[in-house]
Amino acid sequence: MASDTLSDLLAQKAALEKQIANFQREQRAEAIDKVKALMTEYGLTLADIGSKAAAAPKKSSVKVAPKYRNPATGDTWSGRGLKPKWLTNALASGASLADFAL
């Protein structure tokens, strides 16, 4: 081993990495074949083996109707989340929230 050069060691490393990749590919193919055989044997589908969380329908976000409108620009706010700047500025200058209610 002491007579090995850096290029020899790198070549050995490359060869080992190639062997590892081939072995992993073969093992993966065998595992897939086993899974397919078991699915066929028991009549399973992909939906059967999916997790309940993955199979559950995703909740769609519901758009909330606006509750407040800026009469000058027509901008609206649903009352959820941060107040928009136009409303914050108007409230700071003495306006009431009820002034913008729809």
N, C-alpha and C. Protein backbone atom coordinates (compact mmCIF):
# COMPACT_ATOMS: atom_id res chain seq x y z
N MET A 1 0.81 -1.19 0.00
CA MET A 1 0.00 0.00 0.00
C MET A 1 0.86 1.26 0.00
N ALA A 2 2.03 1.19 0.58
CA ALA A 2 2.90 2.36 0.68
C ALA A 2 3.33 2.84 -0.70
N SER A 3 3.33 1.96 -1.71
CA SER A 3 3.78 2.35 -3.04
C SER A 3 2.65 2.95 -3.88
N ASP A 4 1.43 2.98 -3.33
CA ASP A 4 0.31 3.57 -4.06
C ASP A 4 0.51 5.07 -4.23
N THR A 5 0.14 5.53 -5.40
CA THR A 5 0.18 6.97 -5.64
C THR A 5 -1.22 7.53 -5.45
N LEU A 6 -1.30 8.82 -5.42
CA LEU A 6 -2.60 9.47 -5.25
C LEU A 6 -3.54 9.09 -6.39
N SER A 7 -3.03 9.05 -7.60
CA SER A 7 -3.88 8.70 -8.74
C SER A 7 -4.36 7.25 -8.65
N ASP A 8 -3.50 6.34 -8.12
CA ASP A 8 -3.92 4.95 -7.92
C ASP A 8 -5.06 4.87 -6.91
N LEU A 9 -4.90 5.60 -5.81
CA LEU A 9 -5.93 5.60 -4.76
C LEU A 9 -7.23 6.20 -5.26
N LEU A 10 -7.15 7.28 -6.03
CA LEU A 10 -8.35 7.88 -6.59
C LEU A 10 -9.05 6.94 -7.57
N ALA A 11 -8.27 6.19 -8.34
CA ALA A 11 -8.84 5.22 -9.27
C ALA A 11 -9.54 4.10 -8.50
N GLN A 12 -8.92 3.65 -7.41
CA GLN A 12 -9.54 2.62 -6.56
C GLN A 12 -10.84 3.14 -5.95
N LYS A 13 -10.79 4.39 -5.50
CA LYS A 13 -11.99 5.01 -4.91
C LYS A 13 -13.11 5.07 -5.94
N ALA A 14 -12.80 5.50 -7.16
CA ALA A 14 -13.79 5.59 -8.23
C ALA A 14 -14.38 4.22 -8.54
N ALA A 15 -13.51 3.19 -8.57
CA ALA A 15 -13.97 1.83 -8.85
C ALA A 15 -14.90 1.34 -7.74
N LEU A 16 -14.53 1.63 -6.48
CA LEU A 16 -15.37 1.23 -5.34
C LEU A 16 -16.71 1.96 -5.36
N GLU A 17 -16.68 3.25 -5.67
CA GLU A 17 -17.93 4.01 -5.74
C GLU A 17 -18.85 3.46 -6.83
N LYS A 18 -18.25 3.03 -7.94
CA LYS A 18 -19.04 2.45 -9.03
C LYS A 18 -19.64 1.12 -8.58
N GLN A 19 -18.85 0.30 -7.88
CA GLN A 19 -19.35 -0.97 -7.36
C GLN A 19 -20.48 -0.74 -6.37
N ILE A 20 -20.32 0.24 -5.50
CA ILE A 20 -21.35 0.54 -4.51
C ILE A 20 -22.64 0.97 -5.21
N ALA A 21 -22.53 1.86 -6.20
CA ALA A 21 -23.71 2.33 -6.93
C ALA A 21 -24.42 1.17 -7.63
N ASN A 22 -23.65 0.28 -8.26
CA ASN A 22 -24.24 -0.88 -8.93
C ASN A 22 -24.94 -1.79 -7.93
N PHE A 23 -24.31 -2.02 -6.79
CA PHE A 23 -24.89 -2.88 -5.76
C PHE A 23 -26.19 -2.28 -5.24
N GLN A 24 -26.18 -0.97 -4.97
CA GLN A 24 -27.39 -0.32 -4.48
C GLN A 24 -28.51 -0.38 -5.52
N ARG A 25 -28.16 -0.20 -6.79
CA ARG A 25 -29.16 -0.28 -7.86
C ARG A 25 -29.78 -1.68 -7.91
N GLU A 26 -28.94 -2.71 -7.79
CA GLU A 26 -29.44 -4.09 -7.81
C GLU A 26 -30.33 -4.38 -6.61
N GLN A 27 -29.90 -3.92 -5.42
CA GLN A 27 -30.69 -4.14 -4.21
C GLN A 27 -32.04 -3.43 -4.31
N ARG A 28 -32.03 -2.23 -4.85
CA ARG A 28 -33.27 -1.46 -5.00
C ARG A 28 -34.21 -2.17 -5.97
N ALA A 29 -33.66 -2.66 -7.08
CA ALA A 29 -34.49 -3.37 -8.06
C ALA A 29 -35.10 -4.63 -7.45
N GLU A 30 -34.31 -5.35 -6.65
CA GLU A 30 -34.84 -6.55 -5.98
C GLU A 30 -35.95 -6.17 -5.00
N ALA A 31 -35.76 -5.09 -4.25
CA ALA A 31 -36.78 -4.66 -3.29
C ALA A 31 -38.06 -4.27 -4.02
N ILE A 32 -37.94 -3.57 -5.14
CA ILE A 32 -39.12 -3.18 -5.91
C ILE A 32 -39.85 -4.41 -6.42
N ASP A 33 -39.09 -5.39 -6.90
CA ASP A 33 -39.72 -6.63 -7.38
C ASP A 33 -40.47 -7.34 -6.26
N LYS A 34 -39.88 -7.38 -5.06
CA LYS A 34 -40.55 -8.00 -3.92
C LYS A 34 -41.83 -7.27 -3.56
N VAL A 35 -41.77 -5.96 -3.54
CA VAL A 35 -42.95 -5.16 -3.20
C VAL A 35 -44.05 -5.38 -4.25
N LYS A 36 -43.67 -5.37 -5.52
CA LYS A 36 -44.66 -5.60 -6.58
C LYS A 36 -45.30 -6.98 -6.44
N ALA A 37 -44.48 -7.98 -6.12
CA ALA A 37 -45.01 -9.34 -5.96
C ALA A 37 -45.99 -9.41 -4.79
N LEU A 38 -45.64 -8.77 -3.68
CA LEU A 38 -46.55 -8.76 -2.52
C LEU A 38 -47.83 -7.99 -2.84
N MET A 39 -47.71 -6.91 -3.56
CA MET A 39 -48.91 -6.14 -3.93
C MET A 39 -49.83 -6.98 -4.81
N THR A 40 -49.23 -7.70 -5.76
CA THR A 40 -50.02 -8.57 -6.63
C THR A 40 -50.66 -9.70 -5.83
N GLU A 41 -49.88 -10.30 -4.94
CA GLU A 41 -50.36 -11.43 -4.13
C GLU A 41 -51.56 -11.03 -3.27
N TYR A 42 -51.51 -9.83 -2.71
CA TYR A 42 -52.57 -9.41 -1.81
C TYR A 42 -53.56 -8.43 -2.45
N GLY A 43 -53.41 -8.17 -3.73
CA GLY A 43 -54.33 -7.29 -4.44
C GLY A 43 -54.28 -5.85 -3.95
N LEU A 44 -53.10 -5.37 -3.63
CA LEU A 44 -52.95 -4.02 -3.10
C LEU A 44 -52.68 -3.03 -4.22
N THR A 45 -53.10 -1.79 -4.01
CA THR A 45 -52.79 -0.71 -4.94
C THR A 45 -51.94 0.32 -4.21
N LEU A 46 -51.44 1.30 -4.95
CA LEU A 46 -50.65 2.35 -4.32
C LEU A 46 -51.48 3.12 -3.29
N ALA A 47 -52.77 3.28 -3.55
CA ALA A 47 -53.64 3.98 -2.60
C ALA A 47 -53.75 3.20 -1.30
N ASP A 48 -53.69 1.87 -1.38
CA ASP A 48 -53.78 1.04 -0.18
C ASP A 48 -52.56 1.21 0.72
N ILE A 49 -51.41 1.42 0.15
CA ILE A 49 -50.21 1.49 0.97
C ILE A 49 -49.79 2.91 1.30
N GLY A 50 -50.49 3.91 0.75
CA GLY A 50 -50.19 5.31 1.08
C GLY A 50 -50.61 5.61 2.51
N SER A 51 -49.95 6.59 3.11
CA SER A 51 -50.31 6.97 4.47
C SER A 51 -51.64 7.70 4.46
N LYS A 52 -52.32 7.68 5.60
CA LYS A 52 -53.61 8.35 5.69
C LYS A 52 -53.47 9.84 5.48
N ALA A 53 -52.37 10.41 5.95
CA ALA A 53 -52.15 11.85 5.78
C ALA A 53 -51.98 12.18 4.30
N ALA A 54 -51.30 11.32 3.57
CA ALA A 54 -51.09 11.57 2.15
C ALA A 54 -52.37 11.36 1.36
N ALA A 55 -53.22 10.45 1.82
CA ALA A 55 -54.45 10.15 1.11
C ALA A 55 -55.57 11.13 1.43
N ALA A 56 -55.45 11.83 2.55
CA ALA A 56 -56.49 12.77 2.95
C ALA A 56 -56.52 13.94 1.97
N PRO A 57 -57.71 14.39 1.61
CA PRO A 57 -57.78 15.53 0.71
C PRO A 57 -57.24 16.78 1.38
N LYS A 58 -56.60 17.59 0.60
CA LYS A 58 -56.04 18.82 1.14
C LYS A 58 -57.17 19.83 1.34
N LYS A 59 -57.06 20.56 2.44
CA LYS A 59 -58.05 21.60 2.71
C LYS A 59 -57.75 22.78 1.80
N SER A 60 -58.76 23.25 1.14
CA SER A 60 -58.56 24.43 0.31
C SER A 60 -58.81 25.66 1.15
N SER A 61 -58.07 26.69 0.86
CA SER A 61 -58.26 27.92 1.62
C SER A 61 -59.51 28.61 1.12
N VAL A 62 -60.28 29.09 2.06
CA VAL A 62 -61.53 29.76 1.73
C VAL A 62 -61.27 31.26 1.76
N LYS A 63 -61.63 31.93 0.70
CA LYS A 63 -61.44 33.37 0.64
C LYS A 63 -62.53 34.02 1.49
N VAL A 64 -62.10 34.90 2.37
CA VAL A 64 -63.02 35.57 3.27
C VAL A 64 -63.51 36.86 2.63
N ALA A 65 -64.78 37.11 2.77
CA ALA A 65 -65.36 38.33 2.20
C ALA A 65 -64.80 39.56 2.90
N PRO A 66 -64.59 40.64 2.16
CA PRO A 66 -64.08 41.85 2.79
C PRO A 66 -65.11 42.48 3.72
N LYS A 67 -64.61 43.09 4.79
CA LYS A 67 -65.48 43.76 5.77
C LYS A 67 -65.28 45.27 5.73
N TYR A 68 -64.13 45.70 5.19
CA TYR A 68 -63.80 47.12 5.20
C TYR A 68 -63.30 47.52 3.81
N ARG A 69 -63.67 48.76 3.39
CA ARG A 69 -63.26 49.24 2.07
C ARG A 69 -62.76 50.67 2.20
N ASN A 70 -61.68 50.94 1.46
CA ASN A 70 -61.16 52.29 1.37
C ASN A 70 -61.96 52.99 0.27
N PRO A 71 -62.78 53.98 0.61
CA PRO A 71 -63.61 54.61 -0.42
C PRO A 71 -62.79 55.35 -1.48
N ALA A 72 -61.59 55.78 -1.15
CA ALA A 72 -60.78 56.52 -2.10
C ALA A 72 -60.19 55.62 -3.17
N THR A 73 -59.74 54.43 -2.79
CA THR A 73 -59.05 53.56 -3.75
C THR A 73 -59.82 52.28 -4.07
N GLY A 74 -60.77 51.92 -3.24
CA GLY A 74 -61.49 50.67 -3.45
C GLY A 74 -60.81 49.47 -2.83
N ASP A 75 -59.65 49.67 -2.19
CA ASP A 75 -58.94 48.57 -1.52
C ASP A 75 -59.81 48.04 -0.40
N THR A 76 -59.73 46.72 -0.17
CA THR A 76 -60.54 46.10 0.88
C THR A 76 -59.66 45.34 1.86
N TRP A 77 -60.27 45.03 2.99
CA TRP A 77 -59.62 44.24 4.04
C TRP A 77 -60.69 43.37 4.67
N SER A 78 -60.34 42.10 4.91
CA SER A 78 -61.30 41.14 5.46
C SER A 78 -61.43 41.24 6.97
N GLY A 79 -60.52 41.95 7.60
CA GLY A 79 -60.53 42.02 9.06
C GLY A 79 -59.63 40.98 9.67
N ARG A 80 -58.98 40.18 8.83
CA ARG A 80 -58.04 39.16 9.30
C ARG A 80 -56.62 39.57 8.96
N GLY A 81 -55.71 39.21 9.83
CA GLY A 81 -54.31 39.53 9.58
C GLY A 81 -54.01 40.97 9.94
N LEU A 82 -52.86 41.43 9.49
CA LEU A 82 -52.45 42.80 9.79
C LEU A 82 -53.34 43.80 9.07
N LYS A 83 -53.57 44.92 9.71
CA LYS A 83 -54.34 45.98 9.07
C LYS A 83 -53.50 46.54 7.92
N PRO A 84 -54.13 46.81 6.81
CA PRO A 84 -53.38 47.42 5.71
C PRO A 84 -52.96 48.84 6.06
N LYS A 85 -51.95 49.32 5.37
CA LYS A 85 -51.41 50.65 5.68
C LYS A 85 -52.46 51.74 5.49
N TRP A 86 -53.29 51.62 4.45
CA TRP A 86 -54.29 52.66 4.23
C TRP A 86 -55.23 52.78 5.42
N LEU A 87 -55.55 51.65 6.06
CA LEU A 87 -56.44 51.68 7.21
C LEU A 87 -55.71 52.16 8.46
N THR A 88 -54.50 51.70 8.63
CA THR A 88 -53.70 52.13 9.77
C THR A 88 -53.49 53.64 9.74
N ASN A 89 -53.17 54.17 8.57
CA ASN A 89 -52.97 55.62 8.43
C ASN A 89 -54.26 56.38 8.69
N ALA A 90 -55.38 55.87 8.18
CA ALA A 90 -56.66 56.54 8.38
C ALA A 90 -57.05 56.54 9.85
N LEU A 91 -56.84 55.42 10.54
CA LEU A 91 -57.17 55.34 11.97
C LEU A 91 -56.27 56.26 12.78
N ALA A 92 -55.01 56.38 12.38
CA ALA A 92 -54.08 57.27 13.08
C ALA A 92 -54.46 58.73 12.91
N SER A 93 -55.10 59.06 11.80
CA SER A 93 -55.50 60.45 11.57
C SER A 93 -56.90 60.75 12.10
N GLY A 94 -57.45 59.84 12.90
CA GLY A 94 -58.70 60.12 13.59
C GLY A 94 -59.93 59.44 13.04
N ALA A 95 -59.81 58.68 11.96
CA ALA A 95 -60.98 57.98 11.40
C ALA A 95 -61.35 56.81 12.29
N SER A 96 -62.57 56.35 12.14
CA SER A 96 -63.05 55.20 12.91
C SER A 96 -63.12 53.98 12.00
N LEU A 97 -62.96 52.81 12.58
CA LEU A 97 -63.07 51.57 11.80
C LEU A 97 -64.45 51.45 11.18
N ALA A 98 -65.46 51.94 11.88
CA ALA A 98 -66.83 51.87 11.38
C ALA A 98 -67.01 52.72 10.11
N ASP A 99 -66.14 53.72 9.92
CA ASP A 99 -66.20 54.55 8.72
C ASP A 99 -65.92 53.75 7.45
N PHE A 100 -65.21 52.63 7.59
CA PHE A 100 -64.81 51.84 6.43
C PHE A 100 -65.58 50.52 6.32
N ALA A 101 -66.51 50.28 7.24
CA ALA A 101 -67.26 49.02 7.24
C ALA A 101 -68.16 48.94 6.02
N LEU A 102 -68.29 47.75 5.49
CA LEU A 102 -69.18 47.53 4.33
C LEU A 102 -70.59 47.23 4.78
